[in-house]
Amino acid sequence: MVTVLGGLATFERHLINARTADGRQPAKARGVRFGRKLTLSKFQIEEALARRAAGERLRDTVRSYGVSHGLIGRL
């Protein structure tokens, strides 16, 4: 009985994955952006890059925006 229920659960999981994939493709075509929201605005990102290019220390840039070192480092 447990094996049958496990098989049904696996089948249902495959159906759910197929339905979400079918909905995801049209959304991407419409330009919907998936994933986590950006921490910094586009203006802040450009400003941070300019500050780093001007020679400002990473630590100072990070403190002024209140974000992690990794975020500024990935920019």
PDB file of N, CA and C in Angstrom:
ATOM      1  N   MET A   1       0.822  -1.197   0.000  1.00  0.00           N
ATOM      2  CA  MET A   1       0.000   0.000   0.000  1.00  0.00           C
ATOM      3  C   MET A   1       0.868   1.264   0.000  1.00  0.00           C
ATOM      4  N   VAL A   2       1.928   1.245   0.795  1.00  0.00           N
ATOM      5  CA  VAL A   2       2.825   2.398   0.872  1.00  0.00           C
ATOM      6  C   VAL A   2       3.537   2.598  -0.465  1.00  0.00           C
ATOM      7  N   THR A   3       3.899   1.519  -1.127  1.00  0.00           N
ATOM      8  CA  THR A   3       4.571   1.612  -2.419  1.00  0.00           C
ATOM      9  C   THR A   3       3.655   2.239  -3.466  1.00  0.00           C
ATOM     10  N   VAL A   4       2.388   1.857  -3.446  1.00  0.00           N
ATOM     11  CA  VAL A   4       1.423   2.416  -4.392  1.00  0.00           C
ATOM     12  C   VAL A   4       1.256   3.919  -4.141  1.00  0.00           C
ATOM     13  N   LEU A   5       1.125   4.309  -2.881  1.00  0.00           N
ATOM     14  CA  LEU A   5       0.993   5.729  -2.551  1.00  0.00           C
ATOM     15  C   LEU A   5       2.251   6.506  -2.940  1.00  0.00           C
ATOM     16  N   GLY A   6       3.409   5.909  -2.749  1.00  0.00           N
ATOM     17  CA  GLY A   6       4.655   6.543  -3.157  1.00  0.00           C
ATOM     18  C   GLY A   6       4.717   6.743  -4.659  1.00  0.00           C
ATOM     19  N   GLY A   7       4.264   5.762  -5.401  1.00  0.00           N
ATOM     20  CA  GLY A   7       4.232   5.873  -6.860  1.00  0.00           C
ATOM     21  C   GLY A   7       3.278   6.958  -7.326  1.00  0.00           C
ATOM     22  N   LEU A   8       2.116   7.051  -6.677  1.00  0.00           N
ATOM     23  CA  LEU A   8       1.153   8.108  -7.009  1.00  0.00           C
ATOM     24  C   LEU A   8       1.725   9.490  -6.687  1.00  0.00           C
ATOM     25  N   ALA A   9       2.419   9.605  -5.579  1.00  0.00           N
ATOM     26  CA  ALA A   9       3.019  10.886  -5.202  1.00  0.00           C
ATOM     27  C   ALA A   9       4.089  11.296  -6.208  1.00  0.00           C
ATOM     28  N   THR A  10       4.882  10.353  -6.669  1.00  0.00           N
ATOM     29  CA  THR A  10       5.900  10.645  -7.670  1.00  0.00           C
ATOM     30  C   THR A  10       5.260  11.077  -8.979  1.00  0.00           C
ATOM     31  N   PHE A  11       4.204  10.398  -9.386  1.00  0.00           N
ATOM     32  CA  PHE A  11       3.497  10.753 -10.610  1.00  0.00           C
ATOM     33  C   PHE A  11       2.913  12.165 -10.505  1.00  0.00           C
ATOM     34  N   GLU A  12       2.314  12.469  -9.365  1.00  0.00           N
ATOM     35  CA  GLU A  12       1.735  13.807  -9.160  1.00  0.00           C
ATOM     36  C   GLU A  12       2.832  14.881  -9.189  1.00  0.00           C
ATOM     37  N   ARG A  13       3.983  14.597  -8.635  1.00  0.00           N
ATOM     38  CA  ARG A  13       5.102  15.543  -8.647  1.00  0.00           C
ATOM     39  C   ARG A  13       5.538  15.812 -10.086  1.00  0.00           C
ATOM     40  N   HIS A  14       5.581  14.806 -10.916  1.00  0.00           N
ATOM     41  CA  HIS A  14       5.940  14.987 -12.332  1.00  0.00           C
ATOM     42  C   HIS A  14       4.897  15.849 -13.051  1.00  0.00           C
ATOM     43  N   LEU A  15       3.630  15.640 -12.733  1.00  0.00           N
ATOM     44  CA  LEU A  15       2.580  16.462 -13.332  1.00  0.00           C
ATOM     45  C   LEU A  15       2.709  17.933 -12.917  1.00  0.00           C
ATOM     46  N   ILE A  16       2.998  18.161 -11.647  1.00  0.00           N
ATOM     47  CA  ILE A  16       3.168  19.531 -11.159  1.00  0.00           C
ATOM     48  C   ILE A  16       4.347  20.200 -11.862  1.00  0.00           C
ATOM     49  N   ASN A  17       5.448  19.479 -11.984  1.00  0.00           N
ATOM     50  CA  ASN A  17       6.632  20.038 -12.660  1.00  0.00           C
ATOM     51  C   ASN A  17       6.325  20.371 -14.123  1.00  0.00           C
ATOM     52  N   ALA A  18       5.580  19.514 -14.793  1.00  0.00           N
ATOM     53  CA  ALA A  18       5.238  19.765 -16.196  1.00  0.00           C
ATOM     54  C   ALA A  18       4.346  20.998 -16.326  1.00  0.00           C
ATOM     55  N   ARG A  19       3.369  21.136 -15.437  1.00  0.00           N
ATOM     56  CA  ARG A  19       2.466  22.293 -15.508  1.00  0.00           C
ATOM     57  C   ARG A  19       3.205  23.597 -15.215  1.00  0.00           C
ATOM     58  N   THR A  20       4.081  23.598 -14.237  1.00  0.00           N
ATOM     59  CA  THR A  20       4.814  24.831 -13.934  1.00  0.00           C
ATOM     60  C   THR A  20       5.777  25.183 -15.053  1.00  0.00           C
ATOM     61  N   ALA A  21       6.384  24.179 -15.684  1.00  0.00           N
ATOM     62  CA  ALA A  21       7.286  24.454 -16.810  1.00  0.00           C
ATOM     63  C   ALA A  21       6.507  25.030 -17.987  1.00  0.00           C
ATOM     64  N   ASP A  22       5.282  24.520 -18.203  1.00  0.00           N
ATOM     65  CA  ASP A  22       4.440  25.043 -19.283  1.00  0.00           C
ATOM     66  C   ASP A  22       4.060  26.495 -19.031  1.00  0.00           C
ATOM     67  N   GLY A  23       3.897  26.897 -17.793  1.00  0.00           N
ATOM     68  CA  GLY A  23       3.565  28.280 -17.475  1.00  0.00           C
ATOM     69  C   GLY A  23       4.776  29.188 -17.464  1.00  0.00           C
ATOM     70  N   ARG A  24       5.937  28.630 -17.160  1.00  0.00           N
ATOM     71  CA  ARG A  24       7.161  29.421 -17.063  1.00  0.00           C
ATOM     72  C   ARG A  24       7.629  29.896 -18.436  1.00  0.00           C
ATOM     73  N   GLN A  25       7.500  29.087 -19.453  1.00  0.00           N
ATOM     74  CA  GLN A  25       7.973  29.457 -20.790  1.00  0.00           C
ATOM     75  C   GLN A  25       7.251  30.683 -21.344  1.00  0.00           C
ATOM     76  N   PRO A  26       5.926  30.759 -21.321  1.00  0.00           N
ATOM     77  CA  PRO A  26       5.265  31.980 -21.808  1.00  0.00           C
ATOM     78  C   PRO A  26       5.597  33.210 -20.959  1.00  0.00           C
ATOM     79  N   ALA A  27       5.771  33.003 -19.657  1.00  0.00           N
ATOM     80  CA  ALA A  27       6.114  34.133 -18.792  1.00  0.00           C
ATOM     81  C   ALA A  27       7.474  34.704 -19.171  1.00  0.00           C
ATOM     82  N   LYS A  28       8.436  33.840 -19.435  1.00  0.00           N
ATOM     83  CA  LYS A  28       9.760  34.317 -19.857  1.00  0.00           C
ATOM     84  C   LYS A  28       9.672  35.038 -21.187  1.00  0.00           C
ATOM     85  N   ALA A  29       8.825  34.557 -22.084  1.00  0.00           N
ATOM     86  CA  ALA A  29       8.656  35.210 -23.384  1.00  0.00           C
ATOM     87  C   ALA A  29       8.061  36.608 -23.210  1.00  0.00           C
ATOM     88  N   ARG A  30       7.221  36.794 -22.177  1.00  0.00           N
ATOM     89  CA  ARG A  30       6.643  38.107 -21.896  1.00  0.00           C
ATOM     90  C   ARG A  30       7.627  39.030 -21.185  1.00  0.00           C
ATOM     91  N   GLY A  31       8.762  38.491 -20.749  1.00  0.00           N
ATOM     92  CA  GLY A  31       9.775  39.309 -20.089  1.00  0.00           C
ATOM     93  C   GLY A  31       9.697  39.307 -18.578  1.00  0.00           C
ATOM     94  N   VAL A  32       8.971  38.367 -18.010  1.00  0.00           N
ATOM     95  CA  VAL A  32       8.893  38.276 -16.557  1.00  0.00           C
ATOM     96  C   VAL A  32      10.258  37.856 -16.028  1.00  0.00           C
ATOM     97  N   ARG A  33      10.708  38.539 -14.984  1.00  0.00           N
ATOM     98  CA  ARG A  33      12.014  38.246 -14.413  1.00  0.00           C
ATOM     99  C   ARG A  33      11.820  37.343 -13.195  1.00  0.00           C
ATOM    100  N   PHE A  34      12.507  36.221 -13.176  1.00  0.00           N
ATOM    101  CA  PHE A  34      12.404  35.270 -12.075  1.00  0.00           C
ATOM    102  C   PHE A  34      13.552  35.487 -11.109  1.00  0.00           C
ATOM    103  N   GLY A  35      13.398  34.986  -9.913  1.00  0.00           N
ATOM    104  CA  GLY A  35      14.472  35.038  -8.936  1.00  0.00           C
ATOM    105  C   GLY A  35      14.273  36.136  -7.909  1.00  0.00           C
ATOM    106  N   ARG A  36      15.283  36.304  -7.108  1.00  0.00           N
ATOM    107  CA  ARG A  36      15.246  37.262  -6.020  1.00  0.00           C
ATOM    108  C   ARG A  36      15.309  38.691  -6.543  1.00  0.00           C
ATOM    109  N   LYS A  37      14.653  39.610  -5.857  1.00  0.00           N
ATOM    110  CA  LYS A  37      14.677  41.016  -6.236  1.00  0.00           C
ATOM    111  C   LYS A  37      16.070  41.596  -5.993  1.00  0.00           C
ATOM    112  N   LEU A  38      16.440  42.586  -6.794  1.00  0.00           N
ATOM    113  CA  LEU A  38      17.734  43.224  -6.642  1.00  0.00           C
ATOM    114  C   LEU A  38      17.789  44.014  -5.338  1.00  0.00           C
ATOM    115  N   THR A  39      18.931  43.955  -4.653  1.00  0.00           N
ATOM    116  CA  THR A  39      19.110  44.688  -3.413  1.00  0.00           C
ATOM    117  C   THR A  39      19.357  46.158  -3.701  1.00  0.00           C
ATOM    118  N   LEU A  40      20.148  46.430  -4.727  1.00  0.00           N
ATOM    119  CA  LEU A  40      20.467  47.797  -5.115  1.00  0.00           C
ATOM    120  C   LEU A  40      19.741  48.151  -6.403  1.00  0.00           C
ATOM    121  N   SER A  41      19.414  49.422  -6.545  1.00  0.00           N
ATOM    122  CA  SER A  41      18.796  49.869  -7.790  1.00  0.00           C
ATOM    123  C   SER A  41      19.870  49.954  -8.876  1.00  0.00           C
ATOM    124  N   LYS A  42      19.432  50.108 -10.121  1.00  0.00           N
ATOM    125  CA  LYS A  42      20.391  50.206 -11.221  1.00  0.00           C
ATOM    126  C   LYS A  42      21.296  51.419 -11.050  1.00  0.00           C
ATOM    127  N   PHE A  43      20.734  52.527 -10.552  1.00  0.00           N
ATOM    128  CA  PHE A  43      21.533  53.721 -10.304  1.00  0.00           C
ATOM    129  C   PHE A  43      22.602  53.449  -9.249  1.00  0.00           C
ATOM    130  N   GLN A  44      22.235  52.766  -8.162  1.00  0.00           N
ATOM    131  CA  GLN A  44      23.190  52.448  -7.105  1.00  0.00           C
ATOM    132  C   GLN A  44      24.283  51.517  -7.607  1.00  0.00           C
ATOM    133  N   ILE A  45      23.929  50.575  -8.467  1.00  0.00           N
ATOM    134  CA  ILE A  45      24.921  49.659  -9.024  1.00  0.00           C
ATOM    135  C   ILE A  45      25.934  50.432  -9.867  1.00  0.00           C
ATOM    136  N   GLU A  46      25.429  51.317 -10.734  1.00  0.00           N
ATOM    137  CA  GLU A  46      26.331  52.123 -11.564  1.00  0.00           C
ATOM    138  C   GLU A  46      27.218  53.008 -10.703  1.00  0.00           C
ATOM    139  N   GLU A  47      26.636  53.599  -9.651  1.00  0.00           N
ATOM    140  CA  GLU A  47      27.398  54.463  -8.763  1.00  0.00           C
ATOM    141  C   GLU A  47      28.487  53.674  -8.022  1.00  0.00           C
ATOM    142  N   ALA A  48      28.139  52.478  -7.549  1.00  0.00           N
ATOM    143  CA  ALA A  48      29.109  51.648  -6.838  1.00  0.00           C
ATOM    144  C   ALA A  48      30.260  51.244  -7.764  1.00  0.00           C
ATOM    145  N   LEU A  49      29.943  50.897  -9.006  1.00  0.00           N
ATOM    146  CA  LEU A  49      30.989  50.543  -9.962  1.00  0.00           C
ATOM    147  C   LEU A  49      31.900  51.730 -10.241  1.00  0.00           C
ATOM    148  N   ALA A  50      31.326  52.913 -10.358  1.00  0.00           N
ATOM    149  CA  ALA A  50      32.134  54.108 -10.601  1.00  0.00           C
ATOM    150  C   ALA A  50      33.032  54.414  -9.406  1.00  0.00           C
ATOM    151  N   ARG A  51      32.491  54.240  -8.214  1.00  0.00           N
ATOM    152  CA  ARG A  51      33.290  54.487  -7.009  1.00  0.00           C
ATOM    153  C   ARG A  51      34.450  53.505  -6.906  1.00  0.00           C
ATOM    154  N   ARG A  52      34.193  52.239  -7.229  1.00  0.00           N
ATOM    155  CA  ARG A  52      35.264  51.234  -7.189  1.00  0.00           C
ATOM    156  C   ARG A  52      36.312  51.525  -8.254  1.00  0.00           C
ATOM    157  N   ALA A  53      35.871  51.974  -9.450  1.00  0.00           N
ATOM    158  CA  ALA A  53      36.806  52.294 -10.527  1.00  0.00           C
ATOM    159  C   ALA A  53      37.653  53.509 -10.168  1.00  0.00           C
ATOM    160  N   ALA A  54      37.100  54.399  -9.344  1.00  0.00           N
ATOM    161  CA  ALA A  54      37.839  55.592  -8.923  1.00  0.00           C
ATOM    162  C   ALA A  54      38.842  55.272  -7.823  1.00  0.00           C
ATOM    163  N   GLY A  55      38.819  54.043  -7.318  1.00  0.00           N
ATOM    164  CA  GLY A  55      39.819  53.622  -6.331  1.00  0.00           C
ATOM    165  C   GLY A  55      39.320  53.565  -4.902  1.00  0.00           C
ATOM    166  N   GLU A  56      38.030  53.719  -4.690  1.00  0.00           N
ATOM    167  CA  GLU A  56      37.500  53.637  -3.329  1.00  0.00           C
ATOM    168  C   GLU A  56      37.616  52.208  -2.825  1.00  0.00           C
ATOM    169  N   ARG A  57      37.901  52.071  -1.544  1.00  0.00           N
ATOM    170  CA  ARG A  57      38.049  50.739  -0.962  1.00  0.00           C
ATOM    171  C   ARG A  57      36.713  50.015  -0.934  1.00  0.00           C
ATOM    172  N   LEU A  58      36.782  48.708  -1.075  1.00  0.00           N
ATOM    173  CA  LEU A  58      35.584  47.870  -1.058  1.00  0.00           C
ATOM    174  C   LEU A  58      34.834  48.043   0.252  1.00  0.00           C
ATOM    175  N   ARG A  59      35.543  48.078   1.338  1.00  0.00           N
ATOM    176  CA  ARG A  59      34.934  48.204   2.657  1.00  0.00           C
ATOM    177  C   ARG A  59      34.097  49.482   2.770  1.00  0.00           C
ATOM    178  N   ASP A  60      34.619  50.593   2.246  1.00  0.00           N
ATOM    179  CA  ASP A  60      33.884  51.856   2.319  1.00  0.00           C
ATOM    180  C   ASP A  60      32.628  51.818   1.462  1.00  0.00           C
ATOM    181  N   THR A  61      32.738  51.231   0.289  1.00  0.00           N
ATOM    182  CA  THR A  61      31.584  51.128  -0.594  1.00  0.00           C
ATOM    183  C   THR A  61      30.501  50.252   0.044  1.00  0.00           C
ATOM    184  N   VAL A  62      30.906  49.150   0.618  1.00  0.00           N
ATOM    185  CA  VAL A  62      29.970  48.217   1.255  1.00  0.00           C
ATOM    186  C   VAL A  62      29.249  48.894   2.410  1.00  0.00           C
ATOM    187  N   ARG A  63      29.975  49.621   3.244  1.00  0.00           N
ATOM    188  CA  ARG A  63      29.366  50.265   4.404  1.00  0.00           C
ATOM    189  C   ARG A  63      28.377  51.346   3.997  1.00  0.00           C
ATOM    190  N   SER A  64      28.669  52.058   2.932  1.00  0.00           N
ATOM    191  CA  SER A  64      27.772  53.146   2.542  1.00  0.00           C
ATOM    192  C   SER A  64      26.428  52.624   2.028  1.00  0.00           C
ATOM    193  N   TYR A  65      26.411  51.430   1.428  1.00  0.00           N
ATOM    194  CA  TYR A  65      25.167  50.859   0.924  1.00  0.00           C
ATOM    195  C   TYR A  65      24.522  49.890   1.908  1.00  0.00           C
ATOM    196  N   GLY A  66      25.272  49.446   2.910  1.00  0.00           N
ATOM    197  CA  GLY A  66      24.717  48.515   3.877  1.00  0.00           C
ATOM    198  C   GLY A  66      24.461  47.131   3.311  1.00  0.00           C
ATOM    199  N   VAL A  67      25.344  46.668   2.436  1.00  0.00           N
ATOM    200  CA  VAL A  67      25.210  45.350   1.825  1.00  0.00           C
ATOM    201  C   VAL A  67      26.463  44.534   2.127  1.00  0.00           C
ATOM    202  N   SER A  68      26.500  43.301   1.643  1.00  0.00           N
ATOM    203  CA  SER A  68      27.628  42.422   1.924  1.00  0.00           C
ATOM    204  C   SER A  68      28.786  42.684   0.953  1.00  0.00           C
ATOM    205  N   HIS A  69      29.967  42.232   1.362  1.00  0.00           N
ATOM    206  CA  HIS A  69      31.141  42.341   0.488  1.00  0.00           C
ATOM    207  C   HIS A  69      30.943  41.589  -0.812  1.00  0.00           C
ATOM    208  N   GLY A  70      30.309  40.424  -0.701  1.00  0.00           N
ATOM    209  CA  GLY A  70      30.094  39.593  -1.889  1.00  0.00           C
ATOM    210  C   GLY A  70      29.244  40.270  -2.949  1.00  0.00           C
ATOM    211  N   LEU A  71      28.241  41.011  -2.505  1.00  0.00           N
ATOM    212  CA  LEU A  71      27.365  41.678  -3.461  1.00  0.00           C
ATOM    213  C   LEU A  71      28.135  42.709  -4.289  1.00  0.00           C
ATOM    214  N   ILE A  72      28.897  43.540  -3.620  1.00  0.00           N
ATOM    215  CA  ILE A  72      29.675  44.567  -4.329  1.00  0.00           C
ATOM    216  C   ILE A  72      30.783  43.904  -5.136  1.00  0.00           C
ATOM    217  N   GLY A  73      31.373  42.852  -4.595  1.00  0.00           N
ATOM    218  CA  GLY A  73      32.440  42.150  -5.309  1.00  0.00           C
ATOM    219  C   GLY A  73      31.956  41.510  -6.604  1.00  0.00           C
ATOM    220  N   ARG A  74      30.710  41.017  -6.620  1.00  0.00           N
ATOM    221  CA  ARG A  74      30.164  40.386  -7.829  1.00  0.00           C
ATOM    222  C   ARG A  74      29.837  41.395  -8.913  1.00  0.00           C
ATOM    223  N   LEU A  75      29.639  42.665  -8.521  1.00  0.00           N
ATOM    224  CA  LEU A  75      29.309  43.677  -9.526  1.00  0.00           C
ATOM    225  C   LEU A  75      30.456  43.830 -10.484  1.00  0.00           C
TER     226      LEU A  75
END
